Amino acid sequence: MRHKVLKAYGQWPQGYSCCQSYFGCCCISNETIGGGCCGILPSESAATACCCLCLETWCCAQPAIQATRFYVMDKKQLAPDPCDNRIIAFSNCLQCLACICEIIACIVSIAGGPSEIQDIARIIRLIADLVLLMVMGCMTAQTNVEINAGTEIKVGGGGGIPVGVPVGGRGSPPPPLEMAR
């Protein structure tokens, strides 16, 4: 999806960076290497950008999908829907709960406790992963709809599936509401 998005905005391959630099990840960034994608070749190299993008989506798919969504939202000046934020937060909480349950199951297993706790931890992990995959699918679908609608900024409606409301950019407050007179 990122390849499609960057091509739509005329930014492929020179505009590619790991997670589009949204997360300040522990990954190697263009800034820390001195302008080289993954520290190998200049980021203008499509082959290197493809290799880096492949590794990014294979090793950290969820941040890659979220970064692509953020990139499109920033380019089109869209704010996330509050319901989207709640769903993402719910998914994140489930992932944390699954991690905690797995740690508890590991400790109980070492202490010689019942194996049912490991089964419960596995079920919670399965549920958390299923919710995460559904959220990732929704993010990808939203991004695809926005790119298929075009790359221009459309203020004030005009059909299609709404993903958010136009604002001055991600992280800035929404414009003030005007009262009808």
C-alpha atoms as a PDB file:
ATOM      1  CA  MET A   1       0.000   0.000   0.000  1.00  0.00           C
ATOM      2  CA  ARG A   2       2.853   2.431   0.802  1.00  0.00           C
ATOM      3  CA  HIS A   3       4.272   1.965  -2.686  1.00  0.00           C
ATOM      4  CA  LYS A   4       0.858   2.844  -4.162  1.00  0.00           C
ATOM      5  CA  VAL A   5       0.533   5.884  -1.886  1.00  0.00           C
ATOM      6  CA  LEU A   6       4.010   7.235  -2.597  1.00  0.00           C
ATOM      7  CA  LYS A   7       3.542   6.721  -6.349  1.00  0.00           C
ATOM      8  CA  ALA A   8       0.185   8.545  -6.181  1.00  0.00           C
ATOM      9  CA  TYR A   9       1.919  11.556  -4.600  1.00  0.00           C
ATOM     10  CA  GLY A  10       4.934  11.334  -6.953  1.00  0.00           C
ATOM     11  CA  GLN A  11       7.252  10.536  -4.059  1.00  0.00           C
ATOM     12  CA  TRP A  12       8.487   7.055  -5.023  1.00  0.00           C
ATOM     13  CA  PRO A  13      11.322   6.148  -4.340  1.00  0.00           C
ATOM     14  CA  GLN A  14      12.878   9.391  -3.039  1.00  0.00           C
ATOM     15  CA  GLY A  15      10.073  10.003  -0.512  1.00  0.00           C
ATOM     16  CA  TYR A  16      10.330   6.588   1.155  1.00  0.00           C
ATOM     17  CA  SER A  17      11.685   6.196   4.676  1.00  0.00           C
ATOM     18  CA  CYS A  18      11.140   3.518   7.287  1.00  0.00           C
ATOM     19  CA  CYS A  19       7.609   4.015   8.681  1.00  0.00           C
ATOM     20  CA  GLN A  20       7.732   7.377   6.864  1.00  0.00           C
ATOM     21  CA  SER A  21       9.674   8.596   9.959  1.00  0.00           C
ATOM     22  CA  TYR A  22       6.458   8.856  12.006  1.00  0.00           C
ATOM     23  CA  PHE A  23       7.595   6.744  14.926  1.00  0.00           C
ATOM     24  CA  GLY A  24      11.263   7.612  15.347  1.00  0.00           C
ATOM     25  CA  CYS A  25      11.775   3.874  15.428  1.00  0.00           C
ATOM     26  CA  CYS A  26      14.844   2.024  16.420  1.00  0.00           C
ATOM     27  CA  CYS A  27      15.199   1.256  12.695  1.00  0.00           C
ATOM     28  CA  ILE A  28      17.988   2.834  10.731  1.00  0.00           C
ATOM     29  CA  SER A  29      16.779   6.148   9.381  1.00  0.00           C
ATOM     30  CA  ASN A  30      17.982   8.280   6.497  1.00  0.00           C
ATOM     31  CA  GLU A  31      19.057  10.996   8.936  1.00  0.00           C
ATOM     32  CA  THR A  32      21.283   8.738  11.069  1.00  0.00           C
ATOM     33  CA  ILE A  33      23.031   7.201   8.067  1.00  0.00           C
ATOM     34  CA  GLY A  34      23.475  10.413   6.119  1.00  0.00           C
ATOM     35  CA  GLY A  35      20.790  10.179   3.482  1.00  0.00           C
ATOM     36  CA  GLY A  36      21.037   6.498   2.542  1.00  0.00           C
ATOM     37  CA  CYS A  37      18.006   4.232   2.745  1.00  0.00           C
ATOM     38  CA  CYS A  38      18.899   1.392   5.143  1.00  0.00           C
ATOM     39  CA  GLY A  39      22.476   2.650   4.958  1.00  0.00           C
ATOM     40  CA  ILE A  40      23.146   0.893   1.623  1.00  0.00           C
ATOM     41  CA  LEU A  41      22.302   3.058  -1.382  1.00  0.00           C
ATOM     42  CA  PRO A  42      20.864   6.523  -1.904  1.00  0.00           C
ATOM     43  CA  SER A  43      17.131   6.630  -1.234  1.00  0.00           C
ATOM     44  CA  GLU A  44      16.581   7.560  -4.900  1.00  0.00           C
ATOM     45  CA  SER A  45      17.301   3.916  -5.758  1.00  0.00           C
ATOM     46  CA  ALA A  46      13.973   2.167  -6.396  1.00  0.00           C
ATOM     47  CA  ALA A  47      15.531  -1.267  -5.860  1.00  0.00           C
ATOM     48  CA  THR A  48      16.830  -0.324  -2.416  1.00  0.00           C
ATOM     49  CA  ALA A  49      13.583   1.381  -1.450  1.00  0.00           C
ATOM     50  CA  CYS A  50      11.679  -1.769  -2.498  1.00  0.00           C
ATOM     51  CA  CYS A  51      14.007  -3.933  -0.414  1.00  0.00           C
ATOM     52  CA  CYS A  52      13.641  -1.669   2.632  1.00  0.00           C
ATOM     53  CA  LEU A  53       9.858  -1.474   2.209  1.00  0.00           C
ATOM     54  CA  CYS A  54       9.666  -5.263   1.958  1.00  0.00           C
ATOM     55  CA  LEU A  55      11.668  -5.676   5.172  1.00  0.00           C
ATOM     56  CA  GLU A  56       9.579  -3.025   6.915  1.00  0.00           C
ATOM     57  CA  THR A  57       6.264  -4.661   6.033  1.00  0.00           C
ATOM     58  CA  TRP A  58       7.557  -8.127   6.889  1.00  0.00           C
ATOM     59  CA  CYS A  59       9.127  -7.209  10.236  1.00  0.00           C
ATOM     60  CA  CYS A  60       6.749  -4.516  11.509  1.00  0.00           C
ATOM     61  CA  ALA A  61       3.523  -4.634   9.507  1.00  0.00           C
ATOM     62  CA  GLN A  62       1.313  -2.775  11.981  1.00  0.00           C
ATOM     63  CA  PRO A  63       3.522   0.338  12.273  1.00  0.00           C
ATOM     64  CA  ALA A  64       4.026   0.272   8.481  1.00  0.00           C
ATOM     65  CA  ILE A  65       0.271   0.278   7.841  1.00  0.00           C
ATOM     66  CA  GLN A  66      -0.310   2.958  10.456  1.00  0.00           C
ATOM     67  CA  ALA A  67       2.485   5.137   9.005  1.00  0.00           C
ATOM     68  CA  THR A  68       0.947   4.867   5.540  1.00  0.00           C
ATOM     69  CA  ARG A  69      -2.424   5.892   6.955  1.00  0.00           C
ATOM     70  CA  PHE A  70      -0.844   8.866   8.790  1.00  0.00           C
ATOM     71  CA  TYR A  71       0.961   9.921   5.606  1.00  0.00           C
ATOM     72  CA  VAL A  72      -2.258  10.004   3.567  1.00  0.00           C
ATOM     73  CA  MET A  73      -4.124  11.770   6.376  1.00  0.00           C
ATOM     74  CA  ASP A  74      -1.391  14.414   6.593  1.00  0.00           C
ATOM     75  CA  LYS A  75      -1.258  14.903   2.828  1.00  0.00           C
ATOM     76  CA  LYS A  76      -5.061  15.269   2.606  1.00  0.00           C
ATOM     77  CA  GLN A  77      -5.299  17.206   5.875  1.00  0.00           C
ATOM     78  CA  LEU A  78      -7.651  14.703   7.515  1.00  0.00           C
ATOM     79  CA  ALA A  79      -8.112  14.094  11.220  1.00  0.00           C
ATOM     80  CA  PRO A  80      -8.853  10.610  12.526  1.00  0.00           C
ATOM     81  CA  ASP A  81     -12.400   9.870  13.520  1.00  0.00           C
ATOM     82  CA  PRO A  82     -12.747   9.646  17.347  1.00  0.00           C
ATOM     83  CA  CYS A  83     -14.288   6.194  16.919  1.00  0.00           C
ATOM     84  CA  ASP A  84     -11.186   5.082  14.981  1.00  0.00           C
ATOM     85  CA  ASN A  85      -9.020   6.231  17.877  1.00  0.00           C
ATOM     86  CA  ARG A  86     -11.139   4.241  20.345  1.00  0.00           C
ATOM     87  CA  ILE A  87     -10.926   1.090  18.243  1.00  0.00           C
ATOM     88  CA  ILE A  88      -7.149   1.429  17.916  1.00  0.00           C
ATOM     89  CA  ALA A  89      -6.826   2.056  21.671  1.00  0.00           C
ATOM     90  CA  PHE A  90      -8.968  -1.040  22.366  1.00  0.00           C
ATOM     91  CA  SER A  91      -6.704  -3.119  20.129  1.00  0.00           C
ATOM     92  CA  ASN A  92      -3.616  -1.752  21.893  1.00  0.00           C
ATOM     93  CA  CYS A  93      -5.118  -2.574  25.308  1.00  0.00           C
ATOM     94  CA  LEU A  94      -5.858  -6.129  24.179  1.00  0.00           C
ATOM     95  CA  GLN A  95      -2.254  -6.523  23.030  1.00  0.00           C
ATOM     96  CA  CYS A  96      -1.025  -5.303  26.439  1.00  0.00           C
ATOM     97  CA  LEU A  97      -3.435  -7.637  28.255  1.00  0.00           C
ATOM     98  CA  ALA A  98      -2.228 -10.572  26.147  1.00  0.00           C
ATOM     99  CA  CYS A  99       1.386  -9.724  26.962  1.00  0.00           C
ATOM    100  CA  ILE A 100       0.662  -9.503  30.703  1.00  0.00           C
ATOM    101  CA  CYS A 101      -1.237 -12.815  30.627  1.00  0.00           C
ATOM    102  CA  GLU A 102       1.662 -14.495  28.799  1.00  0.00           C
ATOM    103  CA  ILE A 103       4.121 -13.223  31.426  1.00  0.00           C
ATOM    104  CA  ILE A 104       1.874 -14.478  34.228  1.00  0.00           C
ATOM    105  CA  ALA A 105       1.493 -17.845  32.487  1.00  0.00           C
ATOM    106  CA  CYS A 106       5.272 -18.095  32.139  1.00  0.00           C
ATOM    107  CA  ILE A 107       5.803 -17.366  35.834  1.00  0.00           C
ATOM    108  CA  VAL A 108       3.081 -19.822  36.874  1.00  0.00           C
ATOM    109  CA  SER A 109       4.577 -22.468  34.579  1.00  0.00           C
ATOM    110  CA  ILE A 110       8.029 -22.035  36.135  1.00  0.00           C
ATOM    111  CA  ALA A 111       6.492 -22.256  39.621  1.00  0.00           C
ATOM    112  CA  GLY A 112       4.763 -25.507  38.656  1.00  0.00           C
ATOM    113  CA  GLY A 113       1.235 -24.100  38.567  1.00  0.00           C
ATOM    114  CA  PRO A 114      -1.715 -25.319  36.508  1.00  0.00           C
ATOM    115  CA  SER A 115      -1.366 -25.442  32.715  1.00  0.00           C
ATOM    116  CA  GLU A 116      -4.848 -23.952  32.244  1.00  0.00           C
ATOM    117  CA  ILE A 117      -3.350 -20.500  32.745  1.00  0.00           C
ATOM    118  CA  GLN A 118      -1.191 -21.011  29.637  1.00  0.00           C
ATOM    119  CA  ASP A 119      -4.319 -21.977  27.697  1.00  0.00           C
ATOM    120  CA  ILE A 120      -6.092 -18.820  28.878  1.00  0.00           C
ATOM    121  CA  ALA A 121      -3.074 -16.724  27.865  1.00  0.00           C
ATOM    122  CA  ARG A 122      -3.085 -18.337  24.402  1.00  0.00           C
ATOM    123  CA  ILE A 123      -6.810 -17.621  23.957  1.00  0.00           C
ATOM    124  CA  ILE A 124      -6.357 -13.982  24.983  1.00  0.00           C
ATOM    125  CA  ARG A 125      -3.393 -13.665  22.575  1.00  0.00           C
ATOM    126  CA  LEU A 126      -5.503 -15.147  19.769  1.00  0.00           C
ATOM    127  CA  ILE A 127      -8.344 -12.685  20.423  1.00  0.00           C
ATOM    128  CA  ALA A 128      -5.911  -9.750  20.632  1.00  0.00           C
ATOM    129  CA  ASP A 129      -4.241 -10.748  17.367  1.00  0.00           C
ATOM    130  CA  LEU A 130      -7.578 -11.177  15.584  1.00  0.00           C
ATOM    131  CA  VAL A 131      -8.694  -7.706  16.681  1.00  0.00           C
ATOM    132  CA  LEU A 132      -5.338  -6.247  15.590  1.00  0.00           C
ATOM    133  CA  LEU A 133      -5.633  -7.864  12.157  1.00  0.00           C
ATOM    134  CA  MET A 134      -9.164  -6.480  11.743  1.00  0.00           C
ATOM    135  CA  VAL A 135      -7.960  -2.981  12.685  1.00  0.00           C
ATOM    136  CA  MET A 136      -5.051  -3.265  10.237  1.00  0.00           C
ATOM    137  CA  GLY A 137      -7.483  -4.316   7.512  1.00  0.00           C
ATOM    138  CA  CYS A 138      -9.687  -1.302   8.227  1.00  0.00           C
ATOM    139  CA  MET A 139      -6.684   1.062   8.154  1.00  0.00           C
ATOM    140  CA  THR A 140      -5.581  -0.362   4.820  1.00  0.00           C
ATOM    141  CA  ALA A 141      -9.098  -0.100   3.380  1.00  0.00           C
ATOM    142  CA  GLN A 142      -9.435   3.531   4.525  1.00  0.00           C
ATOM    143  CA  THR A 143      -6.074   4.394   2.979  1.00  0.00           C
ATOM    144  CA  ASN A 144      -6.987   2.661  -0.273  1.00  0.00           C
ATOM    145  CA  VAL A 145     -10.326   4.511  -0.484  1.00  0.00           C
ATOM    146  CA  GLU A 146      -8.597   7.857   0.051  1.00  0.00           C
ATOM    147  CA  ILE A 147      -5.941   7.188  -2.601  1.00  0.00           C
ATOM    148  CA  ASN A 148      -8.528   5.917  -5.105  1.00  0.00           C
ATOM    149  CA  ALA A 149     -10.492   9.135  -4.496  1.00  0.00           C
ATOM    150  CA  GLY A 150      -7.465  11.163  -5.628  1.00  0.00           C
ATOM    151  CA  THR A 151      -4.563  12.982  -4.052  1.00  0.00           C
ATOM    152  CA  GLU A 152      -6.020  16.480  -3.917  1.00  0.00           C
ATOM    153  CA  ILE A 153      -7.331  18.019  -0.713  1.00  0.00           C
ATOM    154  CA  LYS A 154     -11.125  18.183  -0.738  1.00  0.00           C
ATOM    155  CA  VAL A 155     -12.610  20.509   1.841  1.00  0.00           C
ATOM    156  CA  GLY A 156     -16.307  20.200   2.566  1.00  0.00           C
ATOM    157  CA  GLY A 157     -17.658  16.855   1.396  1.00  0.00           C
ATOM    158  CA  GLY A 158     -18.233  15.475  -2.032  1.00  0.00           C
ATOM    159  CA  GLY A 159     -19.147  11.819  -1.708  1.00  0.00           C
ATOM    160  CA  GLY A 160     -17.013   8.783  -1.074  1.00  0.00           C
ATOM    161  CA  ILE A 161     -16.437   7.058   2.227  1.00  0.00           C
ATOM    162  CA  PRO A 162     -15.512   9.646   4.890  1.00  0.00           C
ATOM    163  CA  VAL A 163     -12.339   8.822   6.806  1.00  0.00           C
ATOM    164  CA  GLY A 164     -12.010  12.018   8.809  1.00  0.00           C
ATOM    165  CA  VAL A 165     -12.692  15.692   8.764  1.00  0.00           C
ATOM    166  CA  PRO A 166     -10.432  18.260   7.082  1.00  0.00           C
ATOM    167  CA  VAL A 167      -8.143  20.137   9.482  1.00  0.00           C
ATOM    168  CA  GLY A 168      -4.841  21.958   9.361  1.00  0.00           C
ATOM    169  CA  GLY A 169      -2.824  18.725   9.746  1.00  0.00           C
ATOM    170  CA  ARG A 170      -2.443  15.877  12.186  1.00  0.00           C
ATOM    171  CA  GLY A 171      -1.821  17.135  15.691  1.00  0.00           C
ATOM    172  CA  SER A 172      -3.352  20.581  15.180  1.00  0.00           C
ATOM    173  CA  PRO A 173      -6.701  21.510  16.702  1.00  0.00           C
ATOM    174  CA  PRO A 174      -9.790  21.290  14.512  1.00  0.00           C
ATOM    175  CA  PRO A 175     -11.173  24.508  13.074  1.00  0.00           C
ATOM    176  CA  PRO A 176     -13.742  26.291  15.270  1.00  0.00           C
ATOM    177  CA  LEU A 177     -17.376  25.429  14.694  1.00  0.00           C
ATOM    178  CA  GLU A 178     -19.543  28.210  13.343  1.00  0.00           C
ATOM    179  CA  MET A 179     -22.963  28.713  14.836  1.00  0.00           C
ATOM    180  CA  ALA A 180     -25.977  29.138  12.557  1.00  0.00           C
ATOM    181  CA  ARG A 181     -27.572  32.540  12.874  1.00  0.00           C
END
